[in-house]
């Protein structure tokens, strides 16, 4: 907070990743996202999973949509 107040917060920023680091990070994020999408899709058809993922206006369809959307965002 002091750095923000003093206008020196930019000095704390991490250096930009190299192209190779960015590719590795994207590959890791895609793998995790695809695994999550597969788990959600598999659970979507199980009655107990659907029951456990229905609460406060959030339905199993929302979980499936969010998993698909997150994965597709990484493919852009």
PDB file of N, CA and C in Angstrom:
ATOM      1  N   UNK A   1       0.825  -1.176   0.000  1.00  0.00           N
ATOM      2  CA  UNK A   1       0.000   0.000   0.000  1.00  0.00           C
ATOM      3  C   UNK A   1       0.879   1.252   0.000  1.00  0.00           C
ATOM      4  N   UNK A   2       1.976   1.165   0.727  1.00  0.00           N
ATOM      5  CA  UNK A   2       2.878   2.316   0.749  1.00  0.00           C
ATOM      6  C   UNK A   2       3.419   2.609  -0.651  1.00  0.00           C
ATOM      7  N   UNK A   3       3.771   1.547  -1.392  1.00  0.00           N
ATOM      8  CA  UNK A   3       4.302   1.733  -2.741  1.00  0.00           C
ATOM      9  C   UNK A   3       3.261   2.378  -3.643  1.00  0.00           C
ATOM     10  N   UNK A   4       2.004   2.002  -3.485  1.00  0.00           N
ATOM     11  CA  UNK A   4       0.944   2.641  -4.270  1.00  0.00           C
ATOM     12  C   UNK A   4       0.832   4.116  -3.919  1.00  0.00           C
ATOM     13  N   UNK A   5       0.856   4.399  -2.633  1.00  0.00           N
ATOM     14  CA  UNK A   5       0.732   5.786  -2.178  1.00  0.00           C
ATOM     15  C   UNK A   5       1.919   6.633  -2.638  1.00  0.00           C
ATOM     16  N   UNK A   6       3.092   6.010  -2.701  1.00  0.00           N
ATOM     17  CA  UNK A   6       4.303   6.739  -3.091  1.00  0.00           C
ATOM     18  C   UNK A   6       4.518   6.770  -4.603  1.00  0.00           C
ATOM     19  N   UNK A   7       3.676   6.016  -5.328  1.00  0.00           N
ATOM     20  CA  UNK A   7       3.833   5.980  -6.783  1.00  0.00           C
ATOM     21  C   UNK A   7       4.977   5.109  -7.257  1.00  0.00           C
ATOM     22  N   UNK A   8       5.417   4.176  -6.428  1.00  0.00           N
ATOM     23  CA  UNK A   8       6.538   3.299  -6.791  1.00  0.00           C
ATOM     24  C   UNK A   8       6.127   1.839  -6.951  1.00  0.00           C
ATOM     25  N   UNK A   9       4.844   1.583  -7.091  1.00  0.00           N
ATOM     26  CA  UNK A   9       4.346   0.204  -7.184  1.00  0.00           C
ATOM     27  C   UNK A   9       4.846  -0.496  -8.444  1.00  0.00           C
ATOM     28  N   UNK A  10       5.128   0.250  -9.493  1.00  0.00           N
ATOM     29  CA  UNK A  10       5.613  -0.354 -10.741  1.00  0.00           C
ATOM     30  C   UNK A  10       6.911  -1.125 -10.516  1.00  0.00           C
ATOM     31  N   UNK A  11       7.715  -0.700  -9.566  1.00  0.00           N
ATOM     32  CA  UNK A  11       8.962  -1.392  -9.255  1.00  0.00           C
ATOM     33  C   UNK A  11       8.720  -2.802  -8.716  1.00  0.00           C
ATOM     34  N   UNK A  12       7.526  -3.079  -8.235  1.00  0.00           N
ATOM     35  CA  UNK A  12       7.203  -4.379  -7.646  1.00  0.00           C
ATOM     36  C   UNK A  12       6.652  -5.369  -8.669  1.00  0.00           C
ATOM     37  N   UNK A  13       6.378  -4.888  -9.878  1.00  0.00           N
ATOM     38  CA  UNK A  13       5.785  -5.742 -10.916  1.00  0.00           C
ATOM     39  C   UNK A  13       6.774  -6.829 -11.334  1.00  0.00           C
ATOM     40  N   UNK A  14       6.258  -8.045 -11.500  1.00  0.00           N
ATOM     41  CA  UNK A  14       7.071  -9.166 -11.991  1.00  0.00           C
ATOM     42  C   UNK A  14       7.452  -8.897 -13.450  1.00  0.00           C
ATOM     43  N   UNK A  15       8.612  -9.362 -13.882  1.00  0.00           N
ATOM     44  CA  UNK A  15       8.971  -9.191 -15.299  1.00  0.00           C
ATOM     45  C   UNK A  15       8.039 -10.020 -16.185  1.00  0.00           C
ATOM     46  N   UNK A  16       7.819  -9.559 -17.397  1.00  0.00           N
ATOM     47  CA  UNK A  16       6.963 -10.285 -18.343  1.00  0.00           C
ATOM     48  C   UNK A  16       7.581 -11.656 -18.610  1.00  0.00           C
ATOM     49  N   UNK A  17       6.740 -12.681 -18.769  1.00  0.00           N
ATOM     50  CA  UNK A  17       7.287 -14.016 -19.041  1.00  0.00           C
ATOM     51  C   UNK A  17       7.878 -14.068 -20.450  1.00  0.00           C
ATOM     52  N   UNK A  18       8.826 -14.955 -20.633  1.00  0.00           N
ATOM     53  CA  UNK A  18       9.371 -15.188 -21.970  1.00  0.00           C
ATOM     54  C   UNK A  18       8.292 -15.896 -22.792  1.00  0.00           C
ATOM     55  N   UNK A  19       8.498 -15.958 -24.090  1.00  0.00           N
ATOM     56  CA  UNK A  19       7.533 -16.648 -24.962  1.00  0.00           C
ATOM     57  C   UNK A  19       7.405 -18.117 -24.552  1.00  0.00           C
ATOM     58  N   UNK A  20       8.505 -18.745 -24.224  1.00  0.00           N
ATOM     59  CA  UNK A  20       8.484 -20.158 -23.803  1.00  0.00           C
ATOM     60  C   UNK A  20       7.723 -20.320 -22.484  1.00  0.00           C
ATOM     61  N   UNK A  21       7.961 -19.427 -21.539  1.00  0.00           N
ATOM     62  CA  UNK A  21       7.233 -19.492 -20.262  1.00  0.00           C
ATOM     63  C   UNK A  21       5.739 -19.292 -20.482  1.00  0.00           C
ATOM     64  N   UNK A  22       5.381 -18.386 -21.369  1.00  0.00           N
ATOM     65  CA  UNK A  22       3.968 -18.135 -21.659  1.00  0.00           C
ATOM     66  C   UNK A  22       3.323 -19.366 -22.299  1.00  0.00           C
ATOM     67  N   UNK A  23       4.034 -20.027 -23.220  1.00  0.00           N
ATOM     68  CA  UNK A  23       3.511 -21.254 -23.851  1.00  0.00           C
ATOM     69  C   UNK A  23       3.334 -22.359 -22.814  1.00  0.00           C
ATOM     70  N   UNK A  24       4.314 -22.513 -21.937  1.00  0.00           N
ATOM     71  CA  UNK A  24       4.232 -23.543 -20.893  1.00  0.00           C
ATOM     72  C   UNK A  24       3.064 -23.271 -19.951  1.00  0.00           C
ATOM     73  N   UNK A  25       2.886 -22.013 -19.578  1.00  0.00           N
ATOM     74  CA  UNK A  25       1.775 -21.643 -18.690  1.00  0.00           C
ATOM     75  C   UNK A  25       0.437 -21.923 -19.355  1.00  0.00           C
ATOM     76  N   UNK A  26       0.301 -21.550 -20.628  1.00  0.00           N
ATOM     77  CA  UNK A  26      -0.941 -21.794 -21.349  1.00  0.00           C
ATOM     78  C   UNK A  26      -1.217 -23.287 -21.467  1.00  0.00           C
ATOM     79  N   UNK A  27      -0.198 -24.070 -21.764  1.00  0.00           N
ATOM     80  CA  UNK A  27      -0.372 -25.526 -21.872  1.00  0.00           C
ATOM     81  C   UNK A  27      -0.836 -26.110 -20.536  1.00  0.00           C
ATOM     82  N   UNK A  28      -0.248 -25.642 -19.453  1.00  0.00           N
ATOM     83  CA  UNK A  28      -0.644 -26.138 -18.125  1.00  0.00           C
ATOM     84  C   UNK A  28      -2.088 -25.732 -17.819  1.00  0.00           C
ATOM     85  N   UNK A  29      -2.452 -24.493 -18.121  1.00  0.00           N
ATOM     86  CA  UNK A  29      -3.810 -24.031 -17.857  1.00  0.00           C
ATOM     87  C   UNK A  29      -4.824 -24.777 -18.719  1.00  0.00           C
ATOM     88  N   UNK A  30      -4.482 -25.065 -19.971  1.00  0.00           N
ATOM     89  CA  UNK A  30      -5.377 -25.825 -20.831  1.00  0.00           C
ATOM     90  C   UNK A  30      -5.580 -27.243 -20.303  1.00  0.00           C
ATOM     91  N   UNK A  31      -4.526 -27.868 -19.839  1.00  0.00           N
ATOM     92  CA  UNK A  31      -4.633 -29.233 -19.307  1.00  0.00           C
ATOM     93  C   UNK A  31      -5.526 -29.273 -18.078  1.00  0.00           C
ATOM     94  N   UNK A  32      -5.345 -28.326 -17.171  1.00  0.00           N
ATOM     95  CA  UNK A  32      -6.164 -28.270 -15.961  1.00  0.00           C
ATOM     96  C   UNK A  32      -7.617 -27.970 -16.318  1.00  0.00           C
ATOM     97  N   UNK A  33      -7.819 -27.033 -17.235  1.00  0.00           N
ATOM     98  CA  UNK A  33      -9.171 -26.658 -17.639  1.00  0.00           C
ATOM     99  C   UNK A  33      -9.892 -27.817 -18.319  1.00  0.00           C
ATOM    100  N   UNK A  34      -9.188 -28.536 -19.196  1.00  0.00           N
ATOM    101  CA  UNK A  34      -9.801 -29.681 -19.870  1.00  0.00           C
ATOM    102  C   UNK A  34     -10.139 -30.784 -18.872  1.00  0.00           C
ATOM    103  N   UNK A  35      -9.279 -31.030 -17.911  1.00  0.00           N
ATOM    104  CA  UNK A  35      -9.570 -32.044 -16.886  1.00  0.00           C
ATOM    105  C   UNK A  35     -10.812 -31.651 -16.092  1.00  0.00           C
ATOM    106  N   UNK A  36     -10.929 -30.369 -15.755  1.00  0.00           N
ATOM    107  CA  UNK A  36     -12.109 -29.890 -15.031  1.00  0.00           C
ATOM    108  C   UNK A  36     -13.359 -30.057 -15.897  1.00  0.00           C
ATOM    109  N   UNK A  37     -13.271 -29.675 -17.150  1.00  0.00           N
ATOM    110  CA  UNK A  37     -14.409 -29.818 -18.058  1.00  0.00           C
ATOM    111  C   UNK A  37     -14.852 -31.275 -18.150  1.00  0.00           C
ATOM    112  N   UNK A  38     -13.914 -32.176 -18.245  1.00  0.00           N
ATOM    113  CA  UNK A  38     -14.253 -33.608 -18.319  1.00  0.00           C
ATOM    114  C   UNK A  38     -14.924 -34.085 -17.030  1.00  0.00           C
ATOM    115  N   UNK A  39     -14.444 -33.609 -15.870  1.00  0.00           N
ATOM    116  CA  UNK A  39     -15.070 -33.998 -14.597  1.00  0.00           C
ATOM    117  C   UNK A  39     -16.500 -33.470 -14.509  1.00  0.00           C
ATOM    118  N   UNK A  40     -16.687 -32.225 -14.905  1.00  0.00           N
ATOM    119  CA  UNK A  40     -18.020 -31.630 -14.836  1.00  0.00           C
ATOM    120  C   UNK A  40     -18.959 -32.348 -15.799  1.00  0.00           C
ATOM    121  N   UNK A  41     -18.485 -32.620 -17.014  1.00  0.00           N
ATOM    122  CA  UNK A  41     -19.328 -33.297 -17.999  1.00  0.00           C
ATOM    123  C   UNK A  41     -19.713 -34.695 -17.520  1.00  0.00           C
ATOM    124  N   UNK A  42     -18.768 -35.404 -16.926  1.00  0.00           N
ATOM    125  CA  UNK A  42     -19.062 -36.751 -16.418  1.00  0.00           C
ATOM    126  C   UNK A  42     -20.045 -36.680 -15.255  1.00  0.00           C
ATOM    127  N   UNK A  43     -19.839 -35.736 -14.362  1.00  0.00           N
ATOM    128  CA  UNK A  43     -20.731 -35.598 -13.221  1.00  0.00           C
ATOM    129  C   UNK A  43     -22.109 -35.114 -13.600  1.00  0.00           C
ATOM    130  N   UNK A  44     -22.186 -34.338 -14.662  1.00  0.00           N
ATOM    131  CA  UNK A  44     -23.459 -33.761 -15.089  1.00  0.00           C
ATOM    132  C   UNK A  44     -24.536 -34.832 -15.261  1.00  0.00           C
ATOM    133  N   UNK A  45     -24.149 -36.007 -15.676  1.00  0.00           N
ATOM    134  CA  UNK A  45     -25.108 -37.078 -15.938  1.00  0.00           C
ATOM    135  C   UNK A  45     -25.390 -37.949 -14.713  1.00  0.00           C
ATOM    136  N   UNK A  46     -24.718 -37.662 -13.606  1.00  0.00           N
ATOM    137  CA  UNK A  46     -24.946 -38.438 -12.385  1.00  0.00           C
ATOM    138  C   UNK A  46     -25.928 -37.696 -11.486  1.00  0.00           C
ATOM    139  N   UNK A  47     -26.948 -38.386 -11.047  1.00  0.00           N
ATOM    140  CA  UNK A  47     -28.013 -37.767 -10.251  1.00  0.00           C
ATOM    141  C   UNK A  47     -27.473 -37.106  -8.975  1.00  0.00           C
ATOM    142  N   UNK A  48     -26.601 -37.803  -8.254  1.00  0.00           N
ATOM    143  CA  UNK A  48     -26.070 -37.253  -7.000  1.00  0.00           C
ATOM    144  C   UNK A  48     -25.237 -35.990  -7.252  1.00  0.00           C
ATOM    145  N   UNK A  49     -24.451 -35.990  -8.322  1.00  0.00           N
ATOM    146  CA  UNK A  49     -23.651 -34.811  -8.655  1.00  0.00           C
ATOM    147  C   UNK A  49     -24.570 -33.636  -8.971  1.00  0.00           C
ATOM    148  N   UNK A  50     -25.602 -33.890  -9.761  1.00  0.00           N
ATOM    149  CA  UNK A  50     -26.536 -32.821 -10.126  1.00  0.00           C
ATOM    150  C   UNK A  50     -27.204 -32.253  -8.878  1.00  0.00           C
ATOM    151  N   UNK A  51     -27.581 -33.129  -7.953  1.00  0.00           N
ATOM    152  CA  UNK A  51     -28.218 -32.673  -6.713  1.00  0.00           C
ATOM    153  C   UNK A  51     -27.250 -31.829  -5.888  1.00  0.00           C
ATOM    154  N   UNK A  52     -25.995 -32.267  -5.800  1.00  0.00           N
ATOM    155  CA  UNK A  52     -24.995 -31.559  -4.991  1.00  0.00           C
ATOM    156  C   UNK A  52     -24.595 -30.216  -5.606  1.00  0.00           C
ATOM    157  N   UNK A  53     -24.821 -30.052  -6.887  1.00  0.00           N
ATOM    158  CA  UNK A  53     -24.411 -28.819  -7.577  1.00  0.00           C
ATOM    159  C   UNK A  53     -25.604 -27.945  -7.943  1.00  0.00           C
ATOM    160  N   UNK A  54     -26.612 -27.980  -7.102  1.00  0.00           N
ATOM    161  CA  UNK A  54     -27.806 -27.160  -7.299  1.00  0.00           C
ATOM    162  C   UNK A  54     -28.047 -26.421  -5.993  1.00  0.00           C
ATOM    163  N   UNK A  55     -27.832 -25.094  -6.019  1.00  0.00           N
ATOM    164  CA  UNK A  55     -27.986 -24.337  -4.792  1.00  0.00           C
ATOM    165  C   UNK A  55     -28.122 -22.853  -5.112  1.00  0.00           C
ATOM    166  N   UNK A  56     -28.994 -22.177  -4.435  1.00  0.00           N
ATOM    167  CA  UNK A  56     -29.141 -20.721  -4.522  1.00  0.00           C
ATOM    168  C   UNK A  56     -29.219 -20.189  -5.951  1.00  0.00           C
ATOM    169  N   UNK A  57     -30.026 -20.825  -6.773  1.00  0.00           N
ATOM    170  CA  UNK A  57     -30.200 -20.351  -8.140  1.00  0.00           C
ATOM    171  C   UNK A  57     -29.091 -20.749  -9.097  1.00  0.00           C
ATOM    172  N   UNK A  58     -28.146 -21.558  -8.632  1.00  0.00           N
ATOM    173  CA  UNK A  58     -27.087 -22.069  -9.502  1.00  0.00           C
ATOM    174  C   UNK A  58     -27.418 -23.530  -9.771  1.00  0.00           C
ATOM    175  N   UNK A  59     -27.496 -23.879 -11.042  1.00  0.00           N
ATOM    176  CA  UNK A  59     -27.912 -25.213 -11.432  1.00  0.00           C
ATOM    177  C   UNK A  59     -26.758 -25.966 -12.086  1.00  0.00           C
ATOM    178  N   UNK A  60     -26.870 -27.289 -12.206  1.00  0.00           N
ATOM    179  CA  UNK A  60     -25.803 -28.069 -12.843  1.00  0.00           C
ATOM    180  C   UNK A  60     -25.437 -27.527 -14.225  1.00  0.00           C
ATOM    181  N   UNK A  61     -26.423 -27.014 -14.934  1.00  0.00           N
ATOM    182  CA  UNK A  61     -26.158 -26.456 -16.258  1.00  0.00           C
ATOM    183  C   UNK A  61     -25.180 -25.287 -16.184  1.00  0.00           C
ATOM    184  N   UNK A  62     -25.268 -24.505 -15.101  1.00  0.00           N
ATOM    185  CA  UNK A  62     -24.351 -23.379 -14.932  1.00  0.00           C
ATOM    186  C   UNK A  62     -22.915 -23.864 -14.787  1.00  0.00           C
ATOM    187  N   UNK A  63     -22.714 -24.936 -14.038  1.00  0.00           N
ATOM    188  CA  UNK A  63     -21.370 -25.482 -13.850  1.00  0.00           C
ATOM    189  C   UNK A  63     -20.809 -25.978 -15.183  1.00  0.00           C
ATOM    190  N   UNK A  64     -21.654 -26.646 -15.954  1.00  0.00           N
ATOM    191  CA  UNK A  64     -21.215 -27.148 -17.250  1.00  0.00           C
ATOM    192  C   UNK A  64     -20.888 -25.988 -18.185  1.00  0.00           C
ATOM    193  N   UNK A  65     -21.736 -24.991 -18.229  1.00  0.00           N
ATOM    194  CA  UNK A  65     -21.511 -23.830 -19.089  1.00  0.00           C
ATOM    195  C   UNK A  65     -20.214 -23.111 -18.703  1.00  0.00           C
ATOM    196  N   UNK A  66     -19.990 -22.918 -17.421  1.00  0.00           N
ATOM    197  CA  UNK A  66     -18.780 -22.219 -16.974  1.00  0.00           C
ATOM    198  C   UNK A  66     -17.516 -23.012 -17.303  1.00  0.00           C
ATOM    199  N   UNK A  67     -17.582 -24.331 -17.189  1.00  0.00           N
ATOM    200  CA  UNK A  67     -16.423 -25.165 -17.522  1.00  0.00           C
ATOM    201  C   UNK A  67     -16.126 -25.079 -19.021  1.00  0.00           C
ATOM    202  N   UNK A  68     -17.159 -25.127 -19.842  1.00  0.00           N
ATOM    203  CA  UNK A  68     -16.982 -25.006 -21.293  1.00  0.00           C
ATOM    204  C   UNK A  68     -16.424 -23.624 -21.632  1.00  0.00           C
ATOM    205  N   UNK A  69     -17.017 -22.602 -21.076  1.00  0.00           N
ATOM    206  CA  UNK A  69     -16.608 -21.230 -21.356  1.00  0.00           C
ATOM    207  C   UNK A  69     -15.149 -20.985 -20.961  1.00  0.00           C
ATOM    208  N   UNK A  70     -14.755 -21.474 -19.793  1.00  0.00           N
ATOM    209  CA  UNK A  70     -13.380 -21.305 -19.335  1.00  0.00           C
ATOM    210  C   UNK A  70     -12.389 -21.993 -20.242  1.00  0.00           C
ATOM    211  N   UNK A  71     -12.728 -23.196 -20.675  1.00  0.00           N
ATOM    212  CA  UNK A  71     -11.835 -23.923 -21.564  1.00  0.00           C
ATOM    213  C   UNK A  71     -11.717 -23.217 -22.910  1.00  0.00           C
ATOM    214  N   UNK A  72     -12.841 -22.800 -23.455  1.00  0.00           N
ATOM    215  CA  UNK A  72     -12.819 -22.127 -24.755  1.00  0.00           C
ATOM    216  C   UNK A  72     -12.055 -20.805 -24.700  1.00  0.00           C
ATOM    217  N   UNK A  73     -12.111 -20.103 -23.580  1.00  0.00           N
ATOM    218  CA  UNK A  73     -11.357 -18.867 -23.425  1.00  0.00           C
ATOM    219  C   UNK A  73      -9.852 -19.110 -23.607  1.00  0.00           C
ATOM    220  N   UNK A  74      -9.389 -20.245 -23.137  1.00  0.00           N
ATOM    221  CA  UNK A  74      -7.954 -20.553 -23.250  1.00  0.00           C
ATOM    222  C   UNK A  74      -7.547 -20.910 -24.677  1.00  0.00           C
ATOM    223  N   UNK A  75      -8.508 -21.289 -25.503  1.00  0.00           N
ATOM    224  CA  UNK A  75      -8.182 -21.685 -26.884  1.00  0.00           C
ATOM    225  C   UNK A  75      -8.088 -20.482 -27.816  1.00  0.00           C
ATOM    226  N   UNK A  76      -8.487 -19.324 -27.351  1.00  0.00           N
ATOM    227  CA  UNK A  76      -8.465 -18.126 -28.212  1.00  0.00           C
ATOM    228  C   UNK A  76      -7.075 -17.677 -28.512  1.00  0.00           C
TER     229      UNK A  76
END
